[in-house]
Amino acid sequence: MNVTAAQLSDGCYAYNYDLYGATNFGYVPSLAGGIAFCAIFGVFLLVHLLQTVWKRMWWTLLFSLGAMTELIGWIGRIWAAQCPYNGNAFLMQITTLIIAPTFITAGIYVILGRLIHLAGPHTSPIAPRTYLYIFMTCDLMSLVIQAVGGAMASIASNSVPPGNTSPGTNIMVGGIVFQMAATTVFAVLFVLFVWRSRGDNLPRKIQYLLLATASSTLMIYVRSIYRTIELSQGWTGFLITHEIFFVVLDGIMMVLAIGVFNLVHPAWFGLGGQRDKYKLAGPLSSEESSEQEQTELVTIS
């Protein structure tokens, strides 16, 4: 039976290299892997929603949005496992899984801004609210660049005969590199906050939250490096055509980046449900440090 490229892209045909050639993935996505990640991100989504509603800390819905976007992307990969040539399944997973980290980084920006507000302006060279404005703007610009590049590459790939996907791919890489550069600047400011607040006797819960935030940022950074190298190799490169790299360096990285905030949720680890639940006292003198052994200068209810 003769099948046109449009029918192949819109329909659901089992993998057959001899009849239809290679898929857009360069392989057939794992059905078991898709189900496993859907289950994980589904649980993360449910737990984050419950935590947000329980504590009424509504900005933490950003973590729910990240988990939901990951869930949609992996549903797309389950679809692609059944219909590996379907173009809509391919676009569904690639677009959602590219933008999902943006919601998590937005939550991280809010966390640092809240910590600076509580610890004091001496811990940061810029105002707390400015973090969200600057870095969210960078993330949105990055998403627009990646979306434009992805659309160009997709149109070229699905045209008959297939066109040149390199321009679109290069634009996508530029968007990811721009996002990495913004994340690098944020990481420097985050380290600066930790360094300047080292003498502030940060409560243990805040220390755990800082560790969780640093871990999540690192996971997203590793994922961004992988994505940059992957797309730089093109749509037929080694990394993009071997699923194991995607599973480990994208899927698992995002599991860790989102899941850590289920365990170390800001509402339970220092930020609470009120804007000024506590106030750090700033650097302590030696006398104040000894007095703190009997009387806590920082209270977390």
Protein backbone atom coordinates (compact mmCIF):
# COMPACT_ATOMS: atom_id res chain seq x y z
CA MET A 1 0.00 0.00 0.00
CA ASN A 2 1.37 3.38 -1.02
CA VAL A 3 1.37 5.93 1.80
CA THR A 4 2.04 9.60 1.20
CA ALA A 5 4.24 11.65 3.52
CA ALA A 6 1.17 13.56 4.72
CA GLN A 7 -0.70 10.35 5.54
CA LEU A 8 2.33 8.99 7.36
CA SER A 9 2.68 12.16 9.42
CA ASP A 10 -1.02 12.39 10.28
CA GLY A 11 -1.79 8.69 10.74
CA CYS A 12 -0.66 5.88 13.01
CA TYR A 13 1.64 3.42 11.29
CA ALA A 14 3.81 0.83 13.00
CA TYR A 15 7.55 1.18 12.60
CA ASN A 16 8.78 -0.31 9.34
CA TYR A 17 12.07 1.03 8.09
CA ASP A 18 11.88 -0.82 4.77
CA LEU A 19 8.49 0.72 3.95
CA TYR A 20 8.62 4.13 5.58
CA GLY A 21 12.24 4.78 6.51
CA ALA A 22 13.44 6.33 9.78
CA THR A 23 11.23 8.18 12.25
CA ASN A 24 11.68 11.82 13.24
CA PHE A 25 13.31 10.54 16.43
CA GLY A 26 15.78 8.24 14.70
CA TYR A 27 14.32 5.45 16.84
CA VAL A 28 10.98 4.31 18.28
CA PRO A 29 10.39 5.90 21.71
CA SER A 30 10.13 3.44 24.58
CA LEU A 31 6.54 2.80 25.64
CA ALA A 32 7.65 1.55 29.08
CA GLY A 33 9.83 4.62 29.57
CA GLY A 34 6.97 6.92 28.60
CA ILE A 35 4.59 5.25 31.03
CA ALA A 36 7.15 5.36 33.85
CA PHE A 37 7.88 9.07 33.42
CA CYS A 38 4.17 9.88 33.07
CA ALA A 39 3.54 8.12 36.38
CA ILE A 40 6.39 9.99 38.09
CA PHE A 41 5.44 13.45 36.82
CA GLY A 42 1.77 12.70 37.46
CA VAL A 43 2.55 12.02 41.11
CA PHE A 44 4.74 15.15 41.30
CA LEU A 45 1.90 17.22 39.81
CA LEU A 46 -0.67 15.89 42.27
CA VAL A 47 1.59 16.36 45.30
CA HIS A 48 2.63 19.88 44.28
CA LEU A 49 -1.02 20.87 43.80
CA LEU A 50 -1.90 19.51 47.23
CA GLN A 51 1.06 21.29 48.84
CA THR A 52 0.15 24.59 47.16
CA VAL A 53 -3.52 24.43 48.14
CA TRP A 54 -2.71 23.28 51.68
CA LYS A 55 -0.24 26.09 52.40
CA ARG A 56 -1.88 28.65 50.06
CA MET A 57 1.50 29.64 48.70
CA TRP A 58 0.17 30.23 45.19
CA TRP A 59 3.44 31.05 43.44
CA THR A 60 4.51 27.44 43.99
CA LEU A 61 1.98 26.55 41.29
CA LEU A 62 4.98 27.15 39.02
CA PHE A 63 6.29 23.72 40.08
CA SER A 64 2.89 22.20 39.26
CA LEU A 65 2.98 23.81 35.81
CA GLY A 66 6.46 22.39 35.24
CA ALA A 67 5.34 18.90 36.24
CA MET A 68 2.20 19.19 34.10
CA THR A 69 4.19 20.28 31.05
CA GLU A 70 6.58 17.37 31.52
CA LEU A 71 3.59 15.04 31.85
CA ILE A 72 2.10 16.29 28.57
CA GLY A 73 5.45 15.84 26.85
CA TRP A 74 5.81 12.25 28.01
CA ILE A 75 2.21 11.51 26.99
CA GLY A 76 3.33 12.66 23.55
CA ARG A 77 6.18 10.15 23.68
CA ILE A 78 3.74 7.37 24.60
CA TRP A 79 1.72 8.40 21.57
CA ALA A 80 4.89 8.35 19.47
CA ALA A 81 5.76 4.86 20.76
CA GLN A 82 2.48 3.65 19.24
CA CYS A 83 2.61 5.90 16.16
CA PRO A 84 6.31 6.60 15.60
CA TYR A 85 5.82 8.43 12.30
CA ASN A 86 3.11 10.78 13.55
CA GLY A 87 4.30 14.37 13.21
CA ASN A 88 1.87 15.75 15.79
CA ALA A 89 3.13 13.34 18.44
CA PHE A 90 6.70 14.40 17.70
CA LEU A 91 5.87 18.11 17.92
CA MET A 92 3.79 17.60 21.07
CA GLN A 93 6.66 16.08 22.99
CA ILE A 94 9.47 18.26 21.70
CA THR A 95 7.70 21.59 22.31
CA THR A 96 6.47 20.79 25.82
CA LEU A 97 9.68 19.16 27.03
CA ILE A 98 11.70 22.14 25.82
CA ILE A 99 9.61 24.72 27.72
CA ALA A 100 8.99 22.72 30.94
CA PRO A 101 12.20 23.81 32.74
CA THR A 102 11.15 27.47 32.39
CA PHE A 103 8.45 27.04 35.03
CA ILE A 104 10.93 25.47 37.45
CA THR A 105 13.53 28.19 36.96
CA ALA A 106 10.80 30.79 37.54
CA GLY A 107 10.05 29.15 40.89
CA ILE A 108 13.75 29.17 41.72
CA TYR A 109 13.95 32.90 40.95
CA VAL A 110 11.06 33.53 43.35
CA ILE A 111 12.75 31.47 46.07
CA LEU A 112 15.96 33.48 45.89
CA GLY A 113 14.05 36.75 45.79
CA ARG A 114 12.09 35.80 48.92
CA LEU A 115 15.27 34.73 50.72
CA ILE A 116 16.97 38.01 49.90
CA HIS A 117 13.91 39.91 51.13
CA LEU A 118 14.12 38.06 54.42
CA ALA A 119 17.89 38.00 54.85
CA GLY A 120 18.42 41.62 53.97
CA PRO A 121 19.67 43.72 51.02
CA HIS A 122 23.31 43.18 52.01
CA THR A 123 23.09 39.66 50.55
CA SER A 124 22.43 40.74 46.96
CA PRO A 125 23.59 43.43 44.53
CA ILE A 126 20.07 43.72 43.04
CA ALA A 127 16.60 43.99 44.55
CA PRO A 128 14.67 40.76 45.26
CA ARG A 129 11.81 41.53 42.87
CA THR A 130 14.28 42.34 40.12
CA TYR A 131 15.36 38.69 39.92
CA LEU A 132 11.96 37.61 38.67
CA TYR A 133 11.70 40.49 36.18
CA ILE A 134 15.17 40.07 34.68
CA PHE A 135 15.45 36.31 34.51
CA MET A 136 11.84 35.58 33.56
CA THR A 137 12.25 38.05 30.70
CA CYS A 138 15.37 36.15 29.63
CA ASP A 139 13.51 32.83 29.82
CA LEU A 140 10.59 34.16 27.79
CA MET A 141 12.95 35.55 25.15
CA SER A 142 14.69 32.19 25.05
CA LEU A 143 11.37 30.38 24.57
CA VAL A 144 10.38 32.68 21.72
CA ILE A 145 13.72 32.10 20.00
CA GLN A 146 13.43 28.34 20.46
CA ALA A 147 9.82 28.34 19.25
CA VAL A 148 10.71 30.24 16.08
CA GLY A 149 13.64 27.93 15.40
CA GLY A 150 11.57 24.84 16.13
CA ALA A 151 8.80 25.98 13.80
CA MET A 152 11.29 26.65 11.00
CA ALA A 153 12.97 23.26 11.47
CA SER A 154 9.61 21.47 11.65
CA ILE A 155 8.32 23.09 8.47
CA ALA A 156 11.54 22.22 6.66
CA SER A 157 11.49 18.64 7.95
CA ASN A 158 7.85 18.00 7.01
CA SER A 159 7.99 19.60 3.58
CA VAL A 160 8.00 17.39 0.48
CA PRO A 161 10.79 16.91 -0.34
CA PRO A 162 12.34 17.68 3.06
CA GLY A 163 14.04 21.08 3.24
CA ASN A 164 17.11 22.31 5.08
CA THR A 165 16.53 22.17 8.85
CA SER A 166 19.89 23.71 9.76
CA PRO A 167 18.75 27.38 10.00
CA GLY A 168 15.87 26.51 12.34
CA THR A 169 18.05 24.18 14.38
CA ASN A 170 20.75 26.83 14.76
CA ILE A 171 18.17 29.32 16.01
CA MET A 172 16.93 26.77 18.56
CA VAL A 173 20.49 26.22 19.75
CA GLY A 174 20.91 29.98 20.07
CA GLY A 175 17.80 30.13 22.27
CA ILE A 176 19.09 27.38 24.56
CA VAL A 177 22.55 28.98 24.78
CA PHE A 178 20.92 32.31 25.68
CA GLN A 179 18.95 30.54 28.42
CA MET A 180 22.13 28.88 29.68
CA ALA A 181 23.88 32.25 29.82
CA ALA A 182 21.03 33.68 31.92
CA THR A 183 21.12 30.64 34.20
CA THR A 184 24.88 31.09 34.60
CA VAL A 185 24.43 34.71 35.71
CA PHE A 186 21.70 33.62 38.12
CA ALA A 187 23.94 30.89 39.52
CA VAL A 188 26.67 33.46 40.19
CA LEU A 189 24.19 35.69 42.04
CA PHE A 190 22.91 32.66 43.97
CA VAL A 191 26.45 31.78 45.08
CA LEU A 192 26.98 35.44 46.01
CA PHE A 193 23.87 35.31 48.21
CA VAL A 194 25.12 32.18 49.95
CA TRP A 195 28.55 33.76 50.49
CA ARG A 196 27.22 37.07 51.83
CA SER A 197 24.73 35.37 54.14
CA ARG A 198 27.25 32.89 55.54
CA GLY A 199 27.55 34.90 58.76
CA ASP A 200 23.80 35.35 59.22
CA ASN A 201 23.27 32.07 61.06
CA LEU A 202 20.79 30.79 58.51
CA PRO A 203 18.22 28.43 60.07
CA ARG A 204 18.71 24.78 59.22
CA LYS A 205 15.49 24.70 57.21
CA ILE A 206 16.75 27.55 55.04
CA GLN A 207 20.01 25.70 54.52
CA TYR A 208 18.08 22.67 53.29
CA LEU A 209 16.07 24.90 50.95
CA LEU A 210 19.27 26.46 49.61
CA LEU A 211 20.69 23.00 48.97
CA ALA A 212 17.50 21.92 47.19
CA THR A 213 17.50 25.08 45.08
CA ALA A 214 21.15 24.62 44.15
CA SER A 215 20.52 20.97 43.24
CA SER A 216 17.53 21.83 41.04
CA THR A 217 19.48 24.59 39.29
CA LEU A 218 22.36 22.19 38.64
CA MET A 219 20.04 19.55 37.16
CA ILE A 220 18.48 22.09 34.80
CA TYR A 221 21.93 23.35 33.83
CA VAL A 222 23.13 19.84 33.00
CA ARG A 223 19.99 19.31 30.95
CA SER A 224 20.60 22.57 29.05
CA ILE A 225 24.18 21.56 28.22
CA TYR A 226 22.91 18.25 26.88
CA ARG A 227 20.20 19.94 24.79
CA THR A 228 22.73 22.39 23.34
CA ILE A 229 25.13 19.65 22.25
CA GLU A 230 22.26 17.46 21.04
CA LEU A 231 20.77 20.08 18.73
CA SER A 232 24.20 21.29 17.62
CA GLN A 233 24.72 17.83 16.11
CA GLY A 234 21.53 18.21 14.05
CA TRP A 235 18.39 16.09 13.81
CA THR A 236 20.36 13.04 12.70
CA GLY A 237 23.21 13.44 15.21
CA PHE A 238 24.39 10.76 17.60
CA LEU A 239 22.80 12.12 20.77
CA ILE A 240 19.37 12.89 19.36
CA THR A 241 19.06 9.47 17.71
CA HIS A 242 19.89 7.48 20.88
CA GLU A 243 17.08 7.58 23.43
CA ILE A 244 19.19 6.61 26.44
CA PHE A 245 20.85 10.05 26.43
CA PHE A 246 17.46 11.77 26.37
CA VAL A 247 16.12 9.62 29.19
CA VAL A 248 19.13 10.20 31.46
CA LEU A 249 20.12 13.78 30.62
CA ASP A 250 16.66 15.24 30.12
CA GLY A 251 14.05 12.99 31.75
CA ILE A 252 15.93 12.07 34.92
CA MET A 253 17.40 15.56 35.30
CA MET A 254 13.88 17.02 35.30
CA VAL A 255 12.65 14.35 37.71
CA LEU A 256 15.32 15.46 40.17
CA ALA A 257 14.80 19.18 39.48
CA ILE A 258 11.05 19.02 40.18
CA GLY A 259 10.94 16.23 42.74
CA VAL A 260 13.38 17.90 45.11
CA PHE A 261 10.78 20.60 45.81
CA ASN A 262 8.21 17.96 46.73
CA LEU A 263 10.59 16.83 49.47
CA VAL A 264 11.96 20.27 50.38
CA HIS A 265 8.92 22.42 49.72
CA PRO A 266 9.41 26.16 50.36
CA ALA A 267 6.29 26.27 52.55
CA TRP A 268 7.81 23.81 55.03
CA PHE A 269 11.43 24.83 54.72
CA GLY A 270 11.70 28.43 55.80
CA LEU A 271 9.43 30.53 53.63
CA GLY A 272 6.16 29.57 55.32
CA GLY A 273 2.84 31.00 54.32
CA GLN A 274 3.42 34.60 55.39
CA ARG A 275 5.58 37.22 53.73
CA ASP A 276 7.45 38.17 56.88
CA LYS A 277 7.25 35.00 58.89
CA TYR A 278 10.73 35.58 60.17
CA LYS A 279 13.54 38.03 59.68
CA LEU A 280 17.19 37.14 59.74
CA ALA A 281 19.15 39.34 62.07
CA GLY A 282 22.12 39.91 59.78
CA PRO A 283 25.73 39.08 60.65
CA LEU A 284 26.21 38.40 64.36
CA SER A 285 29.04 39.57 66.51
CA SER A 286 30.97 37.09 68.63
CA GLU A 287 29.00 38.15 71.72
CA GLU A 288 25.67 37.74 69.91
CA SER A 289 26.76 34.36 68.61
CA SER A 290 27.39 33.12 72.15
CA GLU A 291 24.09 34.57 73.35
CA GLN A 292 22.26 32.77 70.60
CA GLU A 293 23.08 29.46 72.26
CA GLN A 294 20.55 30.37 74.95
CA THR A 295 18.18 32.60 72.96
CA GLU A 296 17.28 32.15 69.29
CA LEU A 297 17.49 35.36 67.28
CA VAL A 298 15.67 33.74 64.38
CA THR A 299 12.26 32.13 64.90
CA ILE A 300 10.53 29.79 62.49
CA SER A 301 7.06 28.78 63.51
